[in-house]
Amino acid sequence: MTYRPGTFVVDVRRDRLAQVISTTDDTARLREPEPGTGTGDAPEWEAHASALRLATRDERAAAGLAPYQSGCAECVALDTARRAAAGDRATAGRATAAAYTHWITAHTGRWGRK
């Protein structure tokens, strides 16, 4: 399986949570996450795709990566809109995509601001 940059995974060989920086056919470049601060000087390493699995919501939250607990006013507003749209599937999907796109661009140091 190939993971997109920005995705949080677990390297099962090391039992470590990591964020995907880049991928090739069967290898991913990973970085140790730094909650809410972006890339910084976090350690990086490579792992074979077969040694990775998606991080669970609980694993991300335990590492301090819950998107809407960052103290960012825009995160809070986007999460409020996402929750309000829960009854309308199409609107909820767009609101969720907007919230996660903001999180990735504003808080992970990828594709824009650091």
N, C-alpha and C. Protein backbone atom coordinates (compact mmCIF):
# COMPACT_ATOMS: atom_id res chain seq x y z
N MET A 1 0.84 -1.17 0.00
CA MET A 1 0.00 0.00 0.00
C MET A 1 0.89 1.24 0.00
N THR A 2 0.47 2.26 -0.70
CA THR A 2 1.20 3.53 -0.75
C THR A 2 0.43 4.56 0.06
N TYR A 3 1.13 5.35 0.83
CA TYR A 3 0.51 6.38 1.66
C TYR A 3 0.87 7.76 1.13
N ARG A 4 -0.08 8.67 1.16
CA ARG A 4 0.16 10.03 0.69
C ARG A 4 0.99 10.81 1.70
N PRO A 5 1.79 11.76 1.23
CA PRO A 5 2.51 12.64 2.16
C PRO A 5 1.53 13.33 3.09
N GLY A 6 1.91 13.42 4.35
CA GLY A 6 1.05 14.02 5.36
C GLY A 6 0.30 12.99 6.19
N THR A 7 0.21 11.76 5.69
CA THR A 7 -0.50 10.70 6.39
C THR A 7 0.29 10.24 7.60
N PHE A 8 -0.41 9.98 8.70
CA PHE A 8 0.25 9.45 9.88
C PHE A 8 0.13 7.93 9.87
N VAL A 9 1.27 7.27 10.04
CA VAL A 9 1.35 5.81 10.00
C VAL A 9 2.13 5.32 11.22
N VAL A 10 2.11 4.02 11.41
CA VAL A 10 2.94 3.39 12.43
C VAL A 10 3.93 2.49 11.71
N ASP A 11 5.21 2.68 12.00
CA ASP A 11 6.26 1.79 11.51
C ASP A 11 6.26 0.61 12.49
N VAL A 12 5.73 -0.52 12.06
CA VAL A 12 5.56 -1.65 12.97
C VAL A 12 6.90 -2.27 13.38
N ARG A 13 7.93 -2.09 12.58
CA ARG A 13 9.25 -2.61 12.96
C ARG A 13 9.79 -1.89 14.17
N ARG A 14 9.52 -0.59 14.25
CA ARG A 14 10.05 0.23 15.34
C ARG A 14 8.98 0.57 16.38
N ASP A 15 7.73 0.23 16.07
CA ASP A 15 6.60 0.58 16.92
C ASP A 15 6.60 2.08 17.20
N ARG A 16 6.71 2.86 16.09
CA ARG A 16 6.78 4.32 16.18
C ARG A 16 5.78 4.98 15.26
N LEU A 17 5.12 6.00 15.79
CA LEU A 17 4.22 6.81 15.00
C LEU A 17 5.07 7.74 14.13
N ALA A 18 4.67 7.92 12.88
CA ALA A 18 5.43 8.76 11.96
C ALA A 18 4.49 9.41 10.95
N GLN A 19 4.98 10.48 10.35
CA GLN A 19 4.26 11.14 9.26
C GLN A 19 5.01 10.87 7.97
N VAL A 20 4.28 10.53 6.92
CA VAL A 20 4.89 10.26 5.62
C VAL A 20 5.31 11.59 5.00
N ILE A 21 6.58 11.65 4.61
CA ILE A 21 7.11 12.84 3.93
C ILE A 21 7.02 12.66 2.42
N SER A 22 7.43 11.49 1.96
CA SER A 22 7.41 11.19 0.53
C SER A 22 7.40 9.67 0.35
N THR A 23 7.09 9.25 -0.85
CA THR A 23 7.06 7.82 -1.14
C THR A 23 7.68 7.53 -2.50
N THR A 24 8.18 6.31 -2.63
CA THR A 24 8.58 5.77 -3.93
C THR A 24 7.70 4.54 -4.13
N ASP A 25 8.07 3.66 -5.04
CA ASP A 25 7.23 2.49 -5.31
C ASP A 25 6.95 1.66 -4.07
N ASP A 26 7.95 1.38 -3.27
CA ASP A 26 7.74 0.50 -2.12
C ASP A 26 8.37 1.01 -0.83
N THR A 27 8.83 2.26 -0.83
CA THR A 27 9.48 2.83 0.34
C THR A 27 8.86 4.18 0.68
N ALA A 28 8.77 4.46 1.96
CA ALA A 28 8.26 5.75 2.41
C ALA A 28 9.33 6.44 3.25
N ARG A 29 9.47 7.73 3.05
CA ARG A 29 10.34 8.55 3.90
C ARG A 29 9.46 9.06 5.02
N LEU A 30 9.88 8.86 6.27
CA LEU A 30 9.04 9.18 7.43
C LEU A 30 9.72 10.20 8.33
N ARG A 31 8.90 10.87 9.13
CA ARG A 31 9.41 11.82 10.10
C ARG A 31 8.61 11.63 11.38
N GLU A 32 9.30 11.76 12.49
CA GLU A 32 8.63 11.72 13.79
C GLU A 32 7.77 12.97 13.91
N PRO A 33 6.51 12.84 14.31
CA PRO A 33 5.63 14.01 14.36
C PRO A 33 5.95 14.93 15.54
N GLU A 34 5.69 16.21 15.31
CA GLU A 34 5.81 17.21 16.36
C GLU A 34 4.47 17.92 16.42
N PRO A 35 3.64 17.62 17.40
CA PRO A 35 2.27 18.14 17.46
C PRO A 35 2.18 19.64 17.30
N GLY A 36 1.41 20.07 16.28
CA GLY A 36 1.10 21.47 16.08
C GLY A 36 2.24 22.37 15.66
N THR A 37 3.44 21.84 15.48
CA THR A 37 4.57 22.72 15.20
C THR A 37 5.15 22.54 13.81
N GLY A 38 4.77 21.50 13.10
CA GLY A 38 5.34 21.28 11.78
C GLY A 38 6.54 20.37 11.84
N THR A 39 7.46 20.55 10.91
CA THR A 39 8.56 19.61 10.76
C THR A 39 9.68 19.80 11.75
N GLY A 40 10.15 21.00 11.94
CA GLY A 40 11.24 21.24 12.88
C GLY A 40 12.45 20.36 12.57
N ASP A 41 13.07 19.86 13.62
CA ASP A 41 14.24 19.01 13.48
C ASP A 41 13.92 17.57 13.84
N ALA A 42 12.72 17.13 13.57
CA ALA A 42 12.29 15.78 13.92
C ALA A 42 13.12 14.74 13.16
N PRO A 43 13.43 13.62 13.83
CA PRO A 43 14.19 12.56 13.16
C PRO A 43 13.44 12.02 11.94
N GLU A 44 14.19 11.65 10.92
CA GLU A 44 13.61 11.07 9.71
C GLU A 44 14.24 9.73 9.44
N TRP A 45 13.49 8.85 8.76
CA TRP A 45 14.00 7.54 8.37
C TRP A 45 13.16 6.99 7.23
N GLU A 46 13.60 5.90 6.65
CA GLU A 46 12.86 5.24 5.57
C GLU A 46 12.36 3.89 6.05
N ALA A 47 11.22 3.49 5.51
CA ALA A 47 10.65 2.19 5.84
C ALA A 47 9.99 1.61 4.60
N HIS A 48 10.02 0.30 4.49
CA HIS A 48 9.34 -0.40 3.41
C HIS A 48 7.84 -0.30 3.66
N ALA A 49 7.06 -0.14 2.62
CA ALA A 49 5.61 0.00 2.75
C ALA A 49 4.97 -1.15 3.50
N SER A 50 5.53 -2.35 3.39
CA SER A 50 4.95 -3.50 4.08
C SER A 50 5.11 -3.42 5.60
N ALA A 51 5.99 -2.53 6.07
CA ALA A 51 6.21 -2.37 7.51
C ALA A 51 5.37 -1.24 8.10
N LEU A 52 4.44 -0.69 7.30
CA LEU A 52 3.64 0.44 7.74
C LEU A 52 2.16 0.08 7.81
N ARG A 53 1.48 0.73 8.71
CA ARG A 53 0.02 0.67 8.77
C ARG A 53 -0.48 2.05 9.15
N LEU A 54 -1.73 2.35 8.80
CA LEU A 54 -2.31 3.64 9.18
C LEU A 54 -2.38 3.76 10.69
N ALA A 55 -2.08 4.93 11.20
CA ALA A 55 -2.22 5.19 12.62
C ALA A 55 -3.71 5.34 12.95
N THR A 56 -4.10 4.83 14.08
CA THR A 56 -5.49 4.96 14.49
C THR A 56 -5.74 6.36 15.04
N ARG A 57 -6.99 6.73 15.15
CA ARG A 57 -7.36 8.02 15.72
C ARG A 57 -6.82 8.12 17.15
N ASP A 58 -6.94 7.04 17.92
CA ASP A 58 -6.44 7.04 19.30
C ASP A 58 -4.93 7.23 19.36
N GLU A 59 -4.20 6.61 18.45
CA GLU A 59 -2.74 6.76 18.41
C GLU A 59 -2.35 8.19 18.08
N ARG A 60 -3.06 8.79 17.11
CA ARG A 60 -2.78 10.18 16.75
C ARG A 60 -3.09 11.12 17.91
N ALA A 61 -4.22 10.89 18.58
CA ALA A 61 -4.61 11.74 19.70
C ALA A 61 -3.64 11.58 20.86
N ALA A 62 -3.19 10.36 21.13
CA ALA A 62 -2.24 10.11 22.22
C ALA A 62 -0.92 10.82 21.98
N ALA A 63 -0.58 11.03 20.71
CA ALA A 63 0.66 11.73 20.35
C ALA A 63 0.45 13.25 20.30
N GLY A 64 -0.76 13.69 20.63
CA GLY A 64 -1.04 15.13 20.61
C GLY A 64 -1.37 15.66 19.25
N LEU A 65 -1.82 14.80 18.35
CA LEU A 65 -2.06 15.22 16.97
C LEU A 65 -3.54 15.45 16.64
N ALA A 66 -4.39 15.51 17.65
CA ALA A 66 -5.81 15.77 17.38
C ALA A 66 -5.93 17.15 16.73
N PRO A 67 -6.41 17.23 15.49
CA PRO A 67 -6.40 18.48 14.75
C PRO A 67 -7.08 19.65 15.43
N TYR A 68 -8.13 19.41 16.16
CA TYR A 68 -8.91 20.53 16.66
C TYR A 68 -8.56 20.89 18.09
N GLN A 69 -7.42 20.40 18.56
CA GLN A 69 -6.95 20.79 19.88
C GLN A 69 -5.66 21.59 19.77
N SER A 70 -5.44 22.19 18.64
CA SER A 70 -4.20 22.92 18.40
C SER A 70 -4.23 24.35 18.90
N GLY A 71 -5.41 24.85 19.27
CA GLY A 71 -5.53 26.23 19.70
C GLY A 71 -5.71 27.19 18.54
N CYS A 72 -5.80 26.67 17.34
CA CYS A 72 -5.96 27.49 16.15
C CYS A 72 -7.44 27.85 15.96
N ALA A 73 -7.73 29.14 15.85
CA ALA A 73 -9.12 29.60 15.70
C ALA A 73 -9.75 29.06 14.42
N GLU A 74 -8.97 28.96 13.35
CA GLU A 74 -9.52 28.44 12.10
C GLU A 74 -9.86 26.96 12.23
N CYS A 75 -9.03 26.20 12.96
CA CYS A 75 -9.34 24.78 13.21
C CYS A 75 -10.67 24.65 13.95
N VAL A 76 -10.87 25.48 14.95
CA VAL A 76 -12.10 25.43 15.74
C VAL A 76 -13.31 25.76 14.86
N ALA A 77 -13.19 26.80 14.03
CA ALA A 77 -14.29 27.20 13.15
C ALA A 77 -14.62 26.10 12.13
N LEU A 78 -13.57 25.50 11.55
CA LEU A 78 -13.79 24.44 10.57
C LEU A 78 -14.40 23.20 11.23
N ASP A 79 -13.99 22.88 12.45
CA ASP A 79 -14.56 21.74 13.14
C ASP A 79 -16.02 22.00 13.50
N THR A 80 -16.34 23.23 13.88
CA THR A 80 -17.72 23.59 14.19
C THR A 80 -18.59 23.43 12.95
N ALA A 81 -18.10 23.87 11.81
CA ALA A 81 -18.85 23.72 10.55
C ALA A 81 -19.01 22.25 10.19
N ARG A 82 -17.98 21.47 10.42
CA ARG A 82 -18.04 20.04 10.11
C ARG A 82 -19.09 19.35 10.97
N ARG A 83 -19.11 19.67 12.25
CA ARG A 83 -20.09 19.05 13.15
C ARG A 83 -21.51 19.49 12.82
N ALA A 84 -21.69 20.76 12.44
CA ALA A 84 -23.01 21.28 12.10
C ALA A 84 -23.57 20.63 10.84
N ALA A 85 -22.69 20.18 9.96
CA ALA A 85 -23.12 19.59 8.69
C ALA A 85 -23.36 18.09 8.80
N ALA A 86 -23.30 17.53 9.98
CA ALA A 86 -23.37 16.08 10.15
C ALA A 86 -24.59 15.44 9.50
N GLY A 87 -25.71 16.13 9.42
CA GLY A 87 -26.92 15.55 8.84
C GLY A 87 -26.94 15.54 7.32
N ASP A 88 -26.09 16.33 6.69
CA ASP A 88 -26.04 16.43 5.22
C ASP A 88 -24.72 15.82 4.75
N ARG A 89 -24.80 14.67 4.17
CA ARG A 89 -23.60 13.91 3.81
C ARG A 89 -22.65 14.67 2.89
N ALA A 90 -23.16 15.32 1.87
CA ALA A 90 -22.30 16.03 0.91
C ALA A 90 -21.63 17.23 1.58
N THR A 91 -22.40 18.00 2.33
CA THR A 91 -21.84 19.16 3.01
C THR A 91 -20.84 18.72 4.07
N ALA A 92 -21.16 17.66 4.79
CA ALA A 92 -20.25 17.15 5.82
C ALA A 92 -18.93 16.69 5.19
N GLY A 93 -19.00 16.06 4.03
CA GLY A 93 -17.79 15.62 3.34
C GLY A 93 -16.91 16.79 2.94
N ARG A 94 -17.52 17.84 2.40
CA ARG A 94 -16.75 19.03 2.02
C ARG A 94 -16.16 19.72 3.26
N ALA A 95 -16.93 19.79 4.33
CA ALA A 95 -16.46 20.43 5.55
C ALA A 95 -15.30 19.64 6.16
N THR A 96 -15.39 18.33 6.13
CA THR A 96 -14.30 17.49 6.65
C THR A 96 -13.05 17.67 5.81
N ALA A 97 -13.20 17.69 4.49
CA ALA A 97 -12.05 17.88 3.60
C ALA A 97 -11.40 19.25 3.86
N ALA A 98 -12.21 20.28 4.05
CA ALA A 98 -11.67 21.62 4.31
C ALA A 98 -10.91 21.65 5.63
N ALA A 99 -11.45 20.98 6.64
CA ALA A 99 -10.79 20.96 7.95
C ALA A 99 -9.45 20.25 7.88
N TYR A 100 -9.41 19.10 7.23
CA TYR A 100 -8.16 18.36 7.15
C TYR A 100 -7.14 19.01 6.22
N THR A 101 -7.61 19.64 5.16
CA THR A 101 -6.70 20.36 4.28
C THR A 101 -6.05 21.51 5.04
N HIS A 102 -6.85 22.22 5.81
CA HIS A 102 -6.29 23.31 6.63
C HIS A 102 -5.27 22.75 7.61
N TRP A 103 -5.60 21.66 8.28
CA TRP A 103 -4.68 21.07 9.27
C TRP A 103 -3.34 20.74 8.62
N ILE A 104 -3.38 20.11 7.47
CA ILE A 104 -2.14 19.70 6.80
C ILE A 104 -1.33 20.92 6.36
N THR A 105 -1.98 21.88 5.73
CA THR A 105 -1.23 23.02 5.21
C THR A 105 -0.76 23.98 6.30
N ALA A 106 -1.55 24.14 7.35
CA ALA A 106 -1.20 25.13 8.37
C ALA A 106 -0.38 24.56 9.52
N HIS A 107 -0.50 23.26 9.78
CA HIS A 107 0.09 22.74 11.01
C HIS A 107 1.13 21.63 10.83
N THR A 108 1.32 21.14 9.64
CA THR A 108 2.31 20.05 9.48
C THR A 108 3.55 20.50 8.74
N GLY A 109 3.56 21.72 8.22
CA GLY A 109 4.74 22.18 7.50
C GLY A 109 4.80 21.67 6.07
N ARG A 110 3.76 21.02 5.61
CA ARG A 110 3.72 20.50 4.25
C ARG A 110 2.85 21.41 3.39
N TRP A 111 3.20 21.59 2.15
CA TRP A 111 2.39 22.30 1.15
C TRP A 111 2.01 23.70 1.59
N GLY A 112 2.95 24.46 2.01
CA GLY A 112 2.61 25.84 2.35
C GLY A 112 3.34 26.33 3.57
N ARG A 113 2.60 26.94 4.46
CA ARG A 113 3.20 27.56 5.65
C ARG A 113 3.86 26.52 6.55
N LYS A 114 4.83 27.01 7.31
CA LYS A 114 5.48 26.16 8.31
C LYS A 114 5.18 26.69 9.67
